[in-house]
Amino acid sequence: MFNELERKAPSNFGRPLGWIRRPQARLARIPLGILLVLGGIFSFLPVLGIWMLPLGLLLLAIDVPALQGPVSRTVIWGKRKWQNWQRQRRAKRSQ
C-alpha cells in the first residue's frame, strides 16, 4: 500500500512518506500515528479531518502487529470498492 502511495504521490509528499517508513523513524512514526488517529476522532473541529484517522492507523500498523491484519483487510476492501465504483461509472458513461 505505501509503495503504491509513494509512487503516485507528488514528490513533496512522497519523500517524507519514504522517510517515515524507514525502521529508524519508529520513534517519530508511533507518536505521529497516535496524533493522526486522535485528530481523526476529533474531526468535527475546524482544522482536523476524518482523513487523519485512516492515515494514522496505517502508520501505526507498521509497528503494531495486532493492527496489521485488520488494516490490510480494510485497505484491500476499500480498494476493491473504489475499483468497482469506477468501473460502474465508466459503464454508465459509455451507455
N, C-alpha and C. Protein backbone atom coordinates (compact mmCIF):
# COMPACT_ATOMS: atom_id res chain seq x y z
N MET A 1 0.81 -1.19 0.00
CA MET A 1 0.00 0.00 0.00
C MET A 1 0.86 1.25 0.00
N PHE A 2 1.82 1.33 0.89
CA PHE A 2 2.66 2.51 0.98
C PHE A 2 3.51 2.68 -0.27
N ASN A 3 3.98 1.58 -0.86
CA ASN A 3 4.79 1.69 -2.08
C ASN A 3 3.99 2.35 -3.19
N GLU A 4 2.76 1.92 -3.37
CA GLU A 4 1.90 2.49 -4.41
C GLU A 4 1.61 3.96 -4.13
N LEU A 5 1.30 4.26 -2.89
CA LEU A 5 1.02 5.64 -2.50
C LEU A 5 2.25 6.53 -2.71
N GLU A 6 3.41 6.02 -2.35
CA GLU A 6 4.64 6.78 -2.51
C GLU A 6 4.95 7.06 -3.98
N ARG A 7 4.68 6.08 -4.85
CA ARG A 7 4.92 6.26 -6.29
C ARG A 7 3.97 7.28 -6.90
N LYS A 8 2.71 7.25 -6.49
CA LYS A 8 1.69 8.10 -7.10
C LYS A 8 1.66 9.52 -6.51
N ALA A 9 2.21 9.68 -5.34
CA ALA A 9 2.15 10.98 -4.66
C ALA A 9 3.16 11.95 -5.27
N PRO A 10 2.85 13.24 -5.18
CA PRO A 10 3.84 14.25 -5.60
C PRO A 10 5.10 14.12 -4.75
N SER A 11 6.23 14.55 -5.28
CA SER A 11 7.50 14.36 -4.58
C SER A 11 7.53 15.04 -3.21
N ASN A 12 6.85 16.17 -3.06
CA ASN A 12 6.88 16.84 -1.75
C ASN A 12 6.09 16.08 -0.69
N PHE A 13 5.31 15.08 -1.09
CA PHE A 13 4.62 14.20 -0.14
C PHE A 13 5.28 12.82 -0.11
N GLY A 14 5.77 12.37 -1.25
CA GLY A 14 6.37 11.04 -1.36
C GLY A 14 7.67 10.90 -0.59
N ARG A 15 8.49 11.94 -0.61
CA ARG A 15 9.77 11.87 0.12
C ARG A 15 9.60 11.72 1.62
N PRO A 16 8.76 12.55 2.26
CA PRO A 16 8.55 12.35 3.70
C PRO A 16 7.91 11.00 4.02
N LEU A 17 7.06 10.52 3.13
CA LEU A 17 6.45 9.21 3.34
C LEU A 17 7.51 8.11 3.31
N GLY A 18 8.45 8.23 2.40
CA GLY A 18 9.55 7.27 2.34
C GLY A 18 10.40 7.32 3.59
N TRP A 19 10.63 8.52 4.10
CA TRP A 19 11.43 8.66 5.32
C TRP A 19 10.72 8.05 6.52
N ILE A 20 9.43 8.32 6.66
CA ILE A 20 8.70 7.87 7.85
C ILE A 20 8.54 6.35 7.87
N ARG A 21 8.68 5.71 6.72
CA ARG A 21 8.55 4.25 6.65
C ARG A 21 9.83 3.52 7.05
N ARG A 22 10.95 4.22 7.10
CA ARG A 22 12.22 3.56 7.46
C ARG A 22 12.17 3.08 8.90
N PRO A 23 12.84 1.97 9.20
CA PRO A 23 12.84 1.45 10.58
C PRO A 23 13.39 2.46 11.60
N GLN A 24 14.33 3.31 11.19
CA GLN A 24 14.91 4.29 12.12
C GLN A 24 13.90 5.35 12.54
N ALA A 25 12.81 5.51 11.80
CA ALA A 25 11.83 6.56 12.09
C ALA A 25 10.73 6.10 13.04
N ARG A 26 10.91 4.95 13.65
CA ARG A 26 9.87 4.40 14.52
C ARG A 26 9.50 5.36 15.66
N LEU A 27 10.48 6.03 16.22
CA LEU A 27 10.22 6.95 17.32
C LEU A 27 9.40 8.17 16.88
N ALA A 28 9.43 8.50 15.61
CA ALA A 28 8.60 9.58 15.09
C ALA A 28 7.26 9.04 14.59
N ARG A 29 7.28 7.82 14.05
CA ARG A 29 6.09 7.24 13.40
C ARG A 29 4.97 6.94 14.41
N ILE A 30 5.33 6.37 15.55
CA ILE A 30 4.30 5.98 16.52
C ILE A 30 3.57 7.21 17.09
N PRO A 31 4.27 8.23 17.58
CA PRO A 31 3.54 9.42 18.06
C PRO A 31 2.75 10.11 16.94
N LEU A 32 3.31 10.15 15.74
CA LEU A 32 2.59 10.76 14.62
C LEU A 32 1.31 9.99 14.32
N GLY A 33 1.39 8.65 14.32
CA GLY A 33 0.21 7.83 14.10
C GLY A 33 -0.85 8.07 15.16
N ILE A 34 -0.43 8.15 16.41
CA ILE A 34 -1.38 8.40 17.51
C ILE A 34 -2.02 9.77 17.37
N LEU A 35 -1.22 10.77 17.04
CA LEU A 35 -1.78 12.12 16.85
C LEU A 35 -2.76 12.17 15.69
N LEU A 36 -2.45 11.46 14.60
CA LEU A 36 -3.36 11.43 13.46
C LEU A 36 -4.68 10.73 13.81
N VAL A 37 -4.60 9.64 14.56
CA VAL A 37 -5.82 8.95 14.99
C VAL A 37 -6.66 9.86 15.88
N LEU A 38 -6.02 10.52 16.83
CA LEU A 38 -6.75 11.45 17.70
C LEU A 38 -7.35 12.61 16.89
N GLY A 39 -6.59 13.11 15.94
CA GLY A 39 -7.12 14.17 15.07
C GLY A 39 -8.31 13.71 14.26
N GLY A 40 -8.29 12.46 13.82
CA GLY A 40 -9.42 11.91 13.09
C GLY A 40 -10.65 11.74 13.96
N ILE A 41 -10.43 11.38 15.22
CA ILE A 41 -11.55 11.23 16.15
C ILE A 41 -12.20 12.59 16.40
N PHE A 42 -11.39 13.64 16.48
CA PHE A 42 -11.92 14.98 16.71
C PHE A 42 -12.10 15.74 15.40
N SER A 43 -12.54 15.05 14.37
CA SER A 43 -12.65 15.66 13.04
C SER A 43 -13.74 16.73 12.95
N PHE A 44 -14.57 16.83 13.96
CA PHE A 44 -15.61 17.86 13.93
C PHE A 44 -15.01 19.25 14.17
N LEU A 45 -13.78 19.30 14.65
CA LEU A 45 -13.12 20.59 14.84
C LEU A 45 -12.66 21.13 13.48
N PRO A 46 -12.56 22.44 13.32
CA PRO A 46 -12.31 23.04 12.01
C PRO A 46 -11.02 22.60 11.30
N VAL A 47 -9.93 22.45 12.00
CA VAL A 47 -8.65 22.18 11.34
C VAL A 47 -8.45 20.68 11.06
N LEU A 48 -9.06 19.85 11.86
CA LEU A 48 -8.85 18.41 11.77
C LEU A 48 -9.84 17.79 10.80
N GLY A 49 -9.49 16.60 10.30
CA GLY A 49 -10.39 15.94 9.35
C GLY A 49 -10.40 14.44 9.53
N ILE A 50 -11.43 13.82 9.00
CA ILE A 50 -11.57 12.38 9.11
C ILE A 50 -10.47 11.65 8.35
N TRP A 51 -9.83 12.32 7.39
CA TRP A 51 -8.75 11.72 6.62
C TRP A 51 -7.58 11.33 7.52
N MET A 52 -7.49 11.94 8.68
CA MET A 52 -6.37 11.68 9.58
C MET A 52 -6.47 10.29 10.21
N LEU A 53 -7.68 9.79 10.41
CA LEU A 53 -7.87 8.51 11.08
C LEU A 53 -7.27 7.34 10.29
N PRO A 54 -7.62 7.15 9.02
CA PRO A 54 -7.00 6.02 8.30
C PRO A 54 -5.50 6.16 8.12
N LEU A 55 -5.03 7.39 7.93
CA LEU A 55 -3.58 7.59 7.78
C LEU A 55 -2.86 7.23 9.07
N GLY A 56 -3.41 7.63 10.20
CA GLY A 56 -2.81 7.28 11.49
C GLY A 56 -2.82 5.78 11.73
N LEU A 57 -3.91 5.11 11.37
CA LEU A 57 -3.97 3.66 11.53
C LEU A 57 -2.97 2.95 10.63
N LEU A 58 -2.79 3.46 9.41
CA LEU A 58 -1.79 2.88 8.51
C LEU A 58 -0.39 3.01 9.11
N LEU A 59 -0.07 4.17 9.66
CA LEU A 59 1.25 4.36 10.26
C LEU A 59 1.43 3.47 11.48
N LEU A 60 0.42 3.37 12.31
CA LEU A 60 0.53 2.52 13.50
C LEU A 60 0.63 1.04 13.13
N ALA A 61 -0.02 0.64 12.05
CA ALA A 61 0.01 -0.77 11.64
C ALA A 61 1.41 -1.23 11.24
N ILE A 62 2.29 -0.30 10.90
CA ILE A 62 3.67 -0.67 10.56
C ILE A 62 4.35 -1.27 11.79
N ASP A 63 4.07 -0.73 12.96
CA ASP A 63 4.76 -1.14 14.19
C ASP A 63 3.92 -1.98 15.15
N VAL A 64 2.62 -2.02 14.97
CA VAL A 64 1.74 -2.76 15.88
C VAL A 64 1.17 -3.97 15.13
N PRO A 65 1.72 -5.15 15.36
CA PRO A 65 1.29 -6.34 14.62
C PRO A 65 -0.21 -6.63 14.72
N ALA A 66 -0.84 -6.30 15.85
CA ALA A 66 -2.27 -6.57 16.01
C ALA A 66 -3.12 -5.75 15.04
N LEU A 67 -2.61 -4.62 14.56
CA LEU A 67 -3.34 -3.78 13.61
C LEU A 67 -3.10 -4.17 12.16
N GLN A 68 -2.05 -4.91 11.89
CA GLN A 68 -1.67 -5.19 10.50
C GLN A 68 -2.75 -5.95 9.74
N GLY A 69 -3.32 -6.98 10.34
CA GLY A 69 -4.36 -7.76 9.66
C GLY A 69 -5.61 -6.94 9.36
N PRO A 70 -6.22 -6.33 10.40
CA PRO A 70 -7.43 -5.54 10.14
C PRO A 70 -7.21 -4.37 9.18
N VAL A 71 -6.09 -3.68 9.31
CA VAL A 71 -5.82 -2.55 8.42
C VAL A 71 -5.61 -3.04 6.99
N SER A 72 -4.89 -4.14 6.82
CA SER A 72 -4.68 -4.70 5.47
C SER A 72 -6.00 -5.11 4.83
N ARG A 73 -6.83 -5.79 5.59
CA ARG A 73 -8.14 -6.20 5.05
C ARG A 73 -8.98 -5.00 4.67
N THR A 74 -8.96 -3.97 5.49
CA THR A 74 -9.74 -2.77 5.21
C THR A 74 -9.22 -2.05 3.97
N VAL A 75 -7.92 -1.98 3.82
CA VAL A 75 -7.34 -1.33 2.63
C VAL A 75 -7.72 -2.11 1.37
N ILE A 76 -7.62 -3.43 1.42
CA ILE A 76 -7.98 -4.25 0.26
C ILE A 76 -9.46 -4.11 -0.06
N TRP A 77 -10.31 -4.12 0.97
CA TRP A 77 -11.74 -3.95 0.77
C TRP A 77 -12.04 -2.59 0.14
N GLY A 78 -11.42 -1.54 0.68
CA GLY A 78 -11.63 -0.19 0.15
C GLY A 78 -11.16 -0.05 -1.29
N LYS A 79 -10.04 -0.66 -1.60
CA LYS A 79 -9.52 -0.59 -2.97
C LYS A 79 -10.47 -1.30 -3.94
N ARG A 80 -11.00 -2.46 -3.55
CA ARG A 80 -11.98 -3.17 -4.40
C ARG A 80 -13.23 -2.34 -4.61
N LYS A 81 -13.74 -1.75 -3.53
CA LYS A 81 -14.93 -0.90 -3.63
C LYS A 81 -14.68 0.27 -4.58
N TRP A 82 -13.53 0.90 -4.45
CA TRP A 82 -13.17 2.03 -5.30
C TRP A 82 -13.10 1.61 -6.77
N GLN A 83 -12.46 0.48 -7.05
CA GLN A 83 -12.33 0.00 -8.42
C GLN A 83 -13.70 -0.36 -9.00
N ASN A 84 -14.56 -1.02 -8.20
CA ASN A 84 -15.91 -1.35 -8.68
C ASN A 84 -16.72 -0.09 -8.97
N TRP A 85 -16.60 0.90 -8.09
CA TRP A 85 -17.31 2.16 -8.28
C TRP A 85 -16.85 2.84 -9.57
N GLN A 86 -15.53 2.87 -9.81
CA GLN A 86 -15.01 3.48 -11.03
C GLN A 86 -15.48 2.73 -12.26
N ARG A 87 -15.48 1.39 -12.20
CA ARG A 87 -15.96 0.57 -13.32
C ARG A 87 -17.41 0.88 -13.63
N GLN A 88 -18.23 0.99 -12.61
CA GLN A 88 -19.65 1.29 -12.80
C GLN A 88 -19.83 2.69 -13.41
N ARG A 89 -19.05 3.64 -12.96
CA ARG A 89 -19.12 5.00 -13.51
C ARG A 89 -18.78 5.01 -14.99
N ARG A 90 -17.71 4.29 -15.35
CA ARG A 90 -17.29 4.23 -16.76
C ARG A 90 -18.37 3.56 -17.61
N ALA A 91 -18.99 2.50 -17.07
CA ALA A 91 -20.03 1.78 -17.80
C ALA A 91 -21.24 2.67 -18.03
N LYS A 92 -21.60 3.47 -17.05
CA LYS A 92 -22.75 4.39 -17.19
C LYS A 92 -22.45 5.46 -18.23
N ARG A 93 -21.22 5.96 -18.24
CA ARG A 93 -20.84 6.99 -19.21
C ARG A 93 -20.84 6.48 -20.64
N SER A 94 -20.47 5.22 -20.82
CA SER A 94 -20.35 4.67 -22.17
C SER A 94 -21.72 4.27 -22.76
N GLN A 95 -22.75 4.23 -21.95
CA GLN A 95 -24.08 3.86 -22.45
C GLN A 95 -24.77 4.98 -23.16
